[in-house]
């Protein structure tokens, strides 16, 4: 599940950012 696609990384980044923001 590593380097599967930029979309995956982007989604993960958004999720992490959202979690940290919350």
PDB file of N, CA and C in Angstrom:
ATOM      1  N   UNK A   1       0.847  -1.211   0.000  1.00  0.00           N
ATOM      2  CA  UNK A   1       0.000   0.000   0.000  1.00  0.00           C
ATOM      3  C   UNK A   1       0.877   1.255   0.000  1.00  0.00           C
ATOM      4  N   UNK A   2       2.092   1.119  -0.510  1.00  0.00           N
ATOM      5  CA  UNK A   2       3.015   2.254  -0.519  1.00  0.00           C
ATOM      6  C   UNK A   2       3.242   2.706  -1.957  1.00  0.00           C
ATOM      7  N   UNK A   3       3.164   4.020  -2.161  1.00  0.00           N
ATOM      8  CA  UNK A   3       3.380   4.550  -3.518  1.00  0.00           C
ATOM      9  C   UNK A   3       2.381   3.926  -4.489  1.00  0.00           C
ATOM     10  N   UNK A   4       1.163   3.749  -3.998  1.00  0.00           N
ATOM     11  CA  UNK A   4       0.145   3.144  -4.880  1.00  0.00           C
ATOM     12  C   UNK A   4      -0.373   4.211  -5.859  1.00  0.00           C
ATOM     13  N   UNK A   5      -0.411   5.443  -5.388  1.00  0.00           N
ATOM     14  CA  UNK A   5      -0.893   6.513  -6.272  1.00  0.00           C
ATOM     15  C   UNK A   5      -0.906   7.838  -5.543  1.00  0.00           C
ATOM     16  N   UNK A   6      -0.724   8.907  -6.283  1.00  0.00           N
ATOM     17  CA  UNK A   6      -0.735  10.233  -5.649  1.00  0.00           C
ATOM     18  C   UNK A   6      -2.071  10.513  -4.976  1.00  0.00           C
ATOM     19  N   UNK A   7      -3.151   9.966  -5.538  1.00  0.00           N
ATOM     20  CA  UNK A   7      -4.480  10.206  -4.959  1.00  0.00           C
ATOM     21  C   UNK A   7      -4.534   9.654  -3.542  1.00  0.00           C
ATOM     22  N   UNK A   8      -3.959   8.469  -3.354  1.00  0.00           N
ATOM     23  CA  UNK A   8      -3.962   7.862  -2.012  1.00  0.00           C
ATOM     24  C   UNK A   8      -3.207   8.759  -1.032  1.00  0.00           C
ATOM     25  N   UNK A   9      -2.049   9.234  -1.452  1.00  0.00           N
ATOM     26  CA  UNK A   9      -1.229  10.095  -0.584  1.00  0.00           C
ATOM     27  C   UNK A   9      -2.000  11.379  -0.278  1.00  0.00           C
ATOM     28  N   UNK A  10      -2.634  11.939  -1.285  1.00  0.00           N
ATOM     29  CA  UNK A  10      -3.399  13.182  -1.095  1.00  0.00           C
ATOM     30  C   UNK A  10      -4.529  12.947  -0.105  1.00  0.00           C
ATOM     31  N   UNK A  11      -5.231  11.841  -0.277  1.00  0.00           N
ATOM     32  CA  UNK A  11      -6.342  11.530   0.641  1.00  0.00           C
ATOM     33  C   UNK A  11      -5.827  11.365   2.060  1.00  0.00           C
ATOM     34  N   UNK A  12      -4.721  10.663   2.194  1.00  0.00           N
ATOM     35  CA  UNK A  12      -4.148  10.447   3.526  1.00  0.00           C
ATOM     36  C   UNK A  12      -3.739  11.786   4.133  1.00  0.00           C
ATOM     37  N   UNK A  13      -3.135  12.635   3.330  1.00  0.00           N
ATOM     38  CA  UNK A  13      -2.714  13.960   3.815  1.00  0.00           C
ATOM     39  C   UNK A  13      -3.920  14.747   4.289  1.00  0.00           C
ATOM     40  N   UNK A  14      -4.973  14.741   3.498  1.00  0.00           N
ATOM     41  CA  UNK A  14      -6.189  15.478   3.871  1.00  0.00           C
ATOM     42  C   UNK A  14      -6.758  14.921   5.165  1.00  0.00           C
ATOM     43  N   UNK A  15      -6.770  13.604   5.288  1.00  0.00           N
ATOM     44  CA  UNK A  15      -7.312  12.977   6.505  1.00  0.00           C
ATOM     45  C   UNK A  15      -6.474  13.387   7.710  1.00  0.00           C
ATOM     46  N   UNK A  16      -5.166  13.304   7.582  1.00  0.00           N
ATOM     47  CA  UNK A  16      -4.278  13.678   8.698  1.00  0.00           C
ATOM     48  C   UNK A  16      -4.481  15.147   9.053  1.00  0.00           C
ATOM     49  N   UNK A  17      -4.524  15.995   8.040  1.00  0.00           N
ATOM     50  CA  UNK A  17      -4.702  17.437   8.281  1.00  0.00           C
ATOM     51  C   UNK A  17      -6.028  17.680   8.991  1.00  0.00           C
ATOM     52  N   UNK A  18      -7.066  17.022   8.527  1.00  0.00           N
ATOM     53  CA  UNK A  18      -8.396  17.194   9.143  1.00  0.00           C
ATOM     54  C   UNK A  18      -8.360  16.737  10.598  1.00  0.00           C
ATOM     55  N   UNK A  19      -7.706  15.591  10.830  1.00  0.00           N
ATOM     56  CA  UNK A  19      -7.629  15.051  12.193  1.00  0.00           C
ATOM     57  C   UNK A  19      -6.871  16.027  13.099  1.00  0.00           C
ATOM     58  N   UNK A  20      -5.754  16.539  12.620  1.00  0.00           N
ATOM     59  CA  UNK A  20      -4.941  17.474  13.422  1.00  0.00           C
ATOM     60  C   UNK A  20      -5.718  18.771  13.651  1.00  0.00           C
ATOM     61  N   UNK A  21      -6.406  19.218  12.620  1.00  0.00           N
ATOM     62  CA  UNK A  21      -7.166  20.472  12.729  1.00  0.00           C
ATOM     63  C   UNK A  21      -8.273  20.324  13.779  1.00  0.00           C
ATOM     64  N   UNK A  22      -8.892  19.133  13.783  1.00  0.00           N
ATOM     65  CA  UNK A  22      -9.983  18.913  14.727  1.00  0.00           C
ATOM     66  C   UNK A  22      -9.422  18.775  16.131  1.00  0.00           C
TER      67      UNK A  22
END
